[in-house]
Structures are given as C-alpha cells and as structure tokens.
Amino acid sequence: MSTTINTPATPDKTPSAIEALAAKTGFKVEWQDAHKQIRRVPEETLKVLLERLGRLAAMPHNSSRARRRSTPNCSGASCRR
C-alpha cells in the first residue's frame, strides 16, 4: 500500500479552503525539505487535524455527520443548553 506523506507544492497554487482554515488555525501547510523543495501537507491530513480540533465543523460545506462527530456525546442536565 502506498501512502503519500507530502506533495510537492506548486508556486502558483491558490490555497484551498481547508488549507486556508488550517493556516488560520496556526498550522504550517508548507515547508521546505532537506533538498530545498517546498512541500505541502496533504489535505486529508489537514482535514483530520481540523476535525479533531472541532474547527472543520464550522465550514459551510461540511455535513451534519461531521458536525455530530466533533460534538462530545453526553447526557444529563450539564449538557443541555
């Protein structure tokens, strides 16, 4: 099984909505490797990280299923608003 760890960046690439949100959250979405090549974090990795932080649920195109996963499960009066 082959997994892409990172992808070469293209200088003219406009950041996607996921990359922009990740950068706004404080993640570096690009870095320079030991061979002086600019690399990008795969979007799937950024999606997982943002989802775990509860930031991905704020994106308008996200499904209610993803929003439910980022909301803690609880019951009782302490969870009701």
N, C-alpha and C. Protein backbone atom coordinates (compact mmCIF):
# COMPACT_ATOMS: atom_id res chain seq x y z
N MET A 1 0.85 -1.18 0.00
CA MET A 1 0.00 0.00 0.00
C MET A 1 0.88 1.24 0.00
N SER A 2 0.61 2.15 -0.89
CA SER A 2 1.41 3.36 -1.00
C SER A 2 0.65 4.54 -0.39
N THR A 3 1.29 5.27 0.48
CA THR A 3 0.68 6.42 1.12
C THR A 3 1.50 7.65 0.81
N THR A 4 0.85 8.70 0.37
CA THR A 4 1.55 9.95 0.11
C THR A 4 1.70 10.68 1.42
N ILE A 5 2.93 10.95 1.81
CA ILE A 5 3.19 11.65 3.06
C ILE A 5 3.09 13.16 2.84
N ASN A 6 3.62 13.62 1.73
CA ASN A 6 3.51 15.03 1.40
C ASN A 6 3.57 15.17 -0.10
N THR A 7 3.19 16.30 -0.58
CA THR A 7 3.17 16.52 -2.02
C THR A 7 3.98 17.76 -2.34
N PRO A 8 4.66 17.76 -3.50
CA PRO A 8 5.39 18.97 -3.88
C PRO A 8 4.41 20.13 -4.07
N ALA A 9 4.82 21.28 -3.67
CA ALA A 9 3.98 22.47 -3.82
C ALA A 9 4.21 23.08 -5.19
N THR A 10 3.17 23.65 -5.72
CA THR A 10 3.31 24.41 -6.96
C THR A 10 3.21 25.88 -6.59
N PRO A 11 4.14 26.71 -7.08
CA PRO A 11 4.18 28.11 -6.66
C PRO A 11 2.91 28.89 -6.95
N ASP A 12 2.20 28.53 -8.01
CA ASP A 12 1.01 29.29 -8.39
C ASP A 12 -0.28 28.71 -7.82
N LYS A 13 -0.18 27.73 -6.93
CA LYS A 13 -1.38 27.09 -6.37
C LYS A 13 -2.05 28.01 -5.35
N THR A 14 -3.31 28.26 -5.56
CA THR A 14 -4.10 29.02 -4.60
C THR A 14 -4.51 28.09 -3.48
N PRO A 15 -4.36 28.51 -2.22
CA PRO A 15 -4.73 27.63 -1.10
C PRO A 15 -6.21 27.26 -1.15
N SER A 16 -6.51 26.02 -0.85
CA SER A 16 -7.90 25.57 -0.77
C SER A 16 -8.52 26.12 0.51
N ALA A 17 -9.81 25.92 0.66
CA ALA A 17 -10.50 26.36 1.88
C ALA A 17 -9.94 25.62 3.10
N ILE A 18 -9.61 24.34 2.93
CA ILE A 18 -9.05 23.55 4.03
C ILE A 18 -7.69 24.11 4.43
N GLU A 19 -6.84 24.39 3.42
CA GLU A 19 -5.51 24.94 3.70
C GLU A 19 -5.60 26.31 4.36
N ALA A 20 -6.52 27.13 3.90
CA ALA A 20 -6.69 28.46 4.48
C ALA A 20 -7.14 28.37 5.94
N LEU A 21 -8.09 27.47 6.22
CA LEU A 21 -8.55 27.31 7.60
C LEU A 21 -7.43 26.75 8.48
N ALA A 22 -6.67 25.81 7.95
CA ALA A 22 -5.54 25.24 8.71
C ALA A 22 -4.51 26.33 9.03
N ALA A 23 -4.20 27.16 8.06
CA ALA A 23 -3.24 28.24 8.28
C ALA A 23 -3.78 29.23 9.31
N LYS A 24 -5.06 29.55 9.21
CA LYS A 24 -5.69 30.47 10.18
C LYS A 24 -5.67 29.87 11.59
N THR A 25 -5.76 28.54 11.67
CA THR A 25 -5.74 27.85 12.96
C THR A 25 -4.33 27.80 13.55
N GLY A 26 -3.32 27.99 12.68
CA GLY A 26 -1.95 28.02 13.17
C GLY A 26 -1.06 26.92 12.62
N PHE A 27 -1.60 26.09 11.73
CA PHE A 27 -0.80 25.03 11.13
C PHE A 27 0.02 25.57 9.97
N LYS A 28 1.23 25.03 9.82
CA LYS A 28 2.03 25.29 8.63
C LYS A 28 1.56 24.31 7.57
N VAL A 29 1.15 24.79 6.42
CA VAL A 29 0.68 23.90 5.36
C VAL A 29 1.77 23.65 4.31
N GLU A 30 2.85 24.39 4.39
CA GLU A 30 4.01 24.20 3.51
C GLU A 30 5.28 24.21 4.34
N TRP A 31 6.29 23.51 3.84
CA TRP A 31 7.61 23.56 4.47
C TRP A 31 8.65 23.25 3.41
N GLN A 32 9.89 23.57 3.74
CA GLN A 32 11.00 23.27 2.83
C GLN A 32 11.73 22.04 3.36
N ASP A 33 11.88 21.03 2.49
CA ASP A 33 12.54 19.80 2.93
C ASP A 33 14.07 19.95 2.84
N ALA A 34 14.78 18.89 3.18
CA ALA A 34 16.25 18.92 3.21
C ALA A 34 16.86 19.13 1.83
N HIS A 35 16.08 18.90 0.78
CA HIS A 35 16.56 19.09 -0.59
C HIS A 35 16.11 20.42 -1.17
N LYS A 36 15.67 21.32 -0.29
CA LYS A 36 15.25 22.68 -0.67
C LYS A 36 13.99 22.70 -1.53
N GLN A 37 13.19 21.64 -1.45
CA GLN A 37 11.92 21.62 -2.17
C GLN A 37 10.80 22.01 -1.22
N ILE A 38 9.89 22.82 -1.72
CA ILE A 38 8.72 23.20 -0.92
C ILE A 38 7.72 22.05 -0.99
N ARG A 39 7.24 21.63 0.16
CA ARG A 39 6.27 20.54 0.28
C ARG A 39 5.00 21.05 0.92
N ARG A 40 3.89 20.36 0.65
CA ARG A 40 2.59 20.72 1.24
C ARG A 40 2.06 19.53 2.04
N VAL A 41 1.39 19.85 3.12
CA VAL A 41 0.72 18.82 3.91
C VAL A 41 -0.50 18.38 3.11
N PRO A 42 -0.74 17.07 2.97
CA PRO A 42 -1.93 16.60 2.24
C PRO A 42 -3.21 17.13 2.88
N GLU A 43 -4.18 17.46 2.04
CA GLU A 43 -5.45 17.99 2.55
C GLU A 43 -6.14 17.02 3.49
N GLU A 44 -6.04 15.74 3.22
CA GLU A 44 -6.70 14.75 4.08
C GLU A 44 -6.13 14.83 5.51
N THR A 45 -4.83 15.05 5.62
CA THR A 45 -4.20 15.20 6.94
C THR A 45 -4.73 16.45 7.63
N LEU A 46 -4.82 17.55 6.88
CA LEU A 46 -5.34 18.80 7.46
C LEU A 46 -6.79 18.63 7.89
N LYS A 47 -7.58 17.93 7.09
CA LYS A 47 -8.99 17.70 7.44
C LYS A 47 -9.11 16.95 8.76
N VAL A 48 -8.30 15.91 8.93
CA VAL A 48 -8.36 15.11 10.17
C VAL A 48 -7.97 15.98 11.37
N LEU A 49 -6.88 16.73 11.23
CA LEU A 49 -6.44 17.59 12.34
C LEU A 49 -7.49 18.64 12.69
N LEU A 50 -8.05 19.29 11.68
CA LEU A 50 -9.06 20.32 11.94
C LEU A 50 -10.33 19.72 12.53
N GLU A 51 -10.70 18.54 12.05
CA GLU A 51 -11.88 17.87 12.59
C GLU A 51 -11.69 17.54 14.06
N ARG A 52 -10.51 17.03 14.41
CA ARG A 52 -10.23 16.67 15.81
C ARG A 52 -10.25 17.89 16.72
N LEU A 53 -9.91 19.05 16.18
CA LEU A 53 -9.95 20.28 16.97
C LEU A 53 -11.33 20.93 16.98
N GLY A 54 -12.26 20.35 16.21
CA GLY A 54 -13.60 20.92 16.14
C GLY A 54 -13.70 22.12 15.23
N ARG A 55 -12.68 22.39 14.43
CA ARG A 55 -12.67 23.54 13.54
C ARG A 55 -13.30 23.25 12.19
N LEU A 56 -13.27 22.01 11.74
CA LEU A 56 -13.80 21.66 10.43
C LEU A 56 -15.31 21.77 10.39
N ALA A 57 -15.96 21.57 11.51
CA ALA A 57 -17.42 21.63 11.56
C ALA A 57 -17.93 23.02 11.21
N ALA A 58 -17.09 24.03 11.33
CA ALA A 58 -17.52 25.40 11.05
C ALA A 58 -17.60 25.70 9.56
N MET A 59 -17.05 24.82 8.73
CA MET A 59 -17.05 25.07 7.29
C MET A 59 -18.44 24.78 6.73
N PRO A 60 -18.96 25.67 5.88
CA PRO A 60 -20.33 25.56 5.39
C PRO A 60 -20.62 24.29 4.61
N HIS A 61 -19.65 23.72 3.89
CA HIS A 61 -19.91 22.54 3.06
C HIS A 61 -19.85 21.25 3.86
N ASN A 62 -19.55 21.33 5.12
CA ASN A 62 -19.41 20.12 5.94
C ASN A 62 -20.77 19.51 6.25
N SER A 63 -20.81 18.21 6.31
CA SER A 63 -22.07 17.51 6.57
C SER A 63 -22.43 17.56 8.05
N SER A 64 -23.69 17.32 8.34
CA SER A 64 -24.12 17.28 9.74
C SER A 64 -23.49 16.08 10.44
N ARG A 65 -23.16 15.03 9.68
CA ARG A 65 -22.50 13.86 10.26
C ARG A 65 -21.15 14.25 10.85
N ALA A 66 -20.38 15.06 10.12
CA ALA A 66 -19.08 15.50 10.62
C ALA A 66 -19.25 16.40 11.84
N ARG A 67 -20.27 17.24 11.82
CA ARG A 67 -20.52 18.11 12.97
C ARG A 67 -20.87 17.27 14.20
N ARG A 68 -21.65 16.21 14.01
CA ARG A 68 -22.01 15.34 15.14
C ARG A 68 -20.77 14.66 15.70
N ARG A 69 -19.84 14.24 14.83
CA ARG A 69 -18.63 13.58 15.31
C ARG A 69 -17.76 14.52 16.11
N SER A 70 -17.79 15.82 15.82
CA SER A 70 -16.93 16.76 16.54
C SER A 70 -17.58 17.28 17.82
N THR A 71 -18.83 16.88 18.06
CA THR A 71 -19.54 17.29 19.27
C THR A 71 -19.47 16.17 20.29
N PRO A 72 -19.04 16.48 21.51
CA PRO A 72 -18.94 15.41 22.51
C PRO A 72 -20.31 14.82 22.84
N ASN A 73 -20.32 13.51 23.04
CA ASN A 73 -21.55 12.83 23.45
C ASN A 73 -21.71 12.99 24.95
N CYS A 74 -22.88 13.37 25.38
CA CYS A 74 -23.14 13.45 26.80
C CYS A 74 -24.65 13.40 27.02
N SER A 75 -25.03 13.18 28.23
CA SER A 75 -26.45 13.20 28.57
C SER A 75 -26.58 13.84 29.94
N GLY A 76 -27.75 14.30 30.21
CA GLY A 76 -27.99 14.90 31.50
C GLY A 76 -28.09 16.41 31.41
N ALA A 77 -28.40 17.03 32.55
CA ALA A 77 -28.65 18.45 32.59
C ALA A 77 -27.40 19.28 32.27
N SER A 78 -26.21 18.75 32.55
CA SER A 78 -24.98 19.52 32.30
C SER A 78 -24.70 19.72 30.82
N CYS A 79 -25.31 18.90 29.95
CA CYS A 79 -25.07 19.00 28.51
C CYS A 79 -26.14 19.81 27.81
N ARG A 80 -27.21 20.08 28.47
CA ARG A 80 -28.30 20.84 27.85
C ARG A 80 -28.04 22.33 27.96
N ARG A 81 -28.42 23.02 26.90
CA ARG A 81 -28.22 24.48 26.91
C ARG A 81 -29.52 25.20 26.99
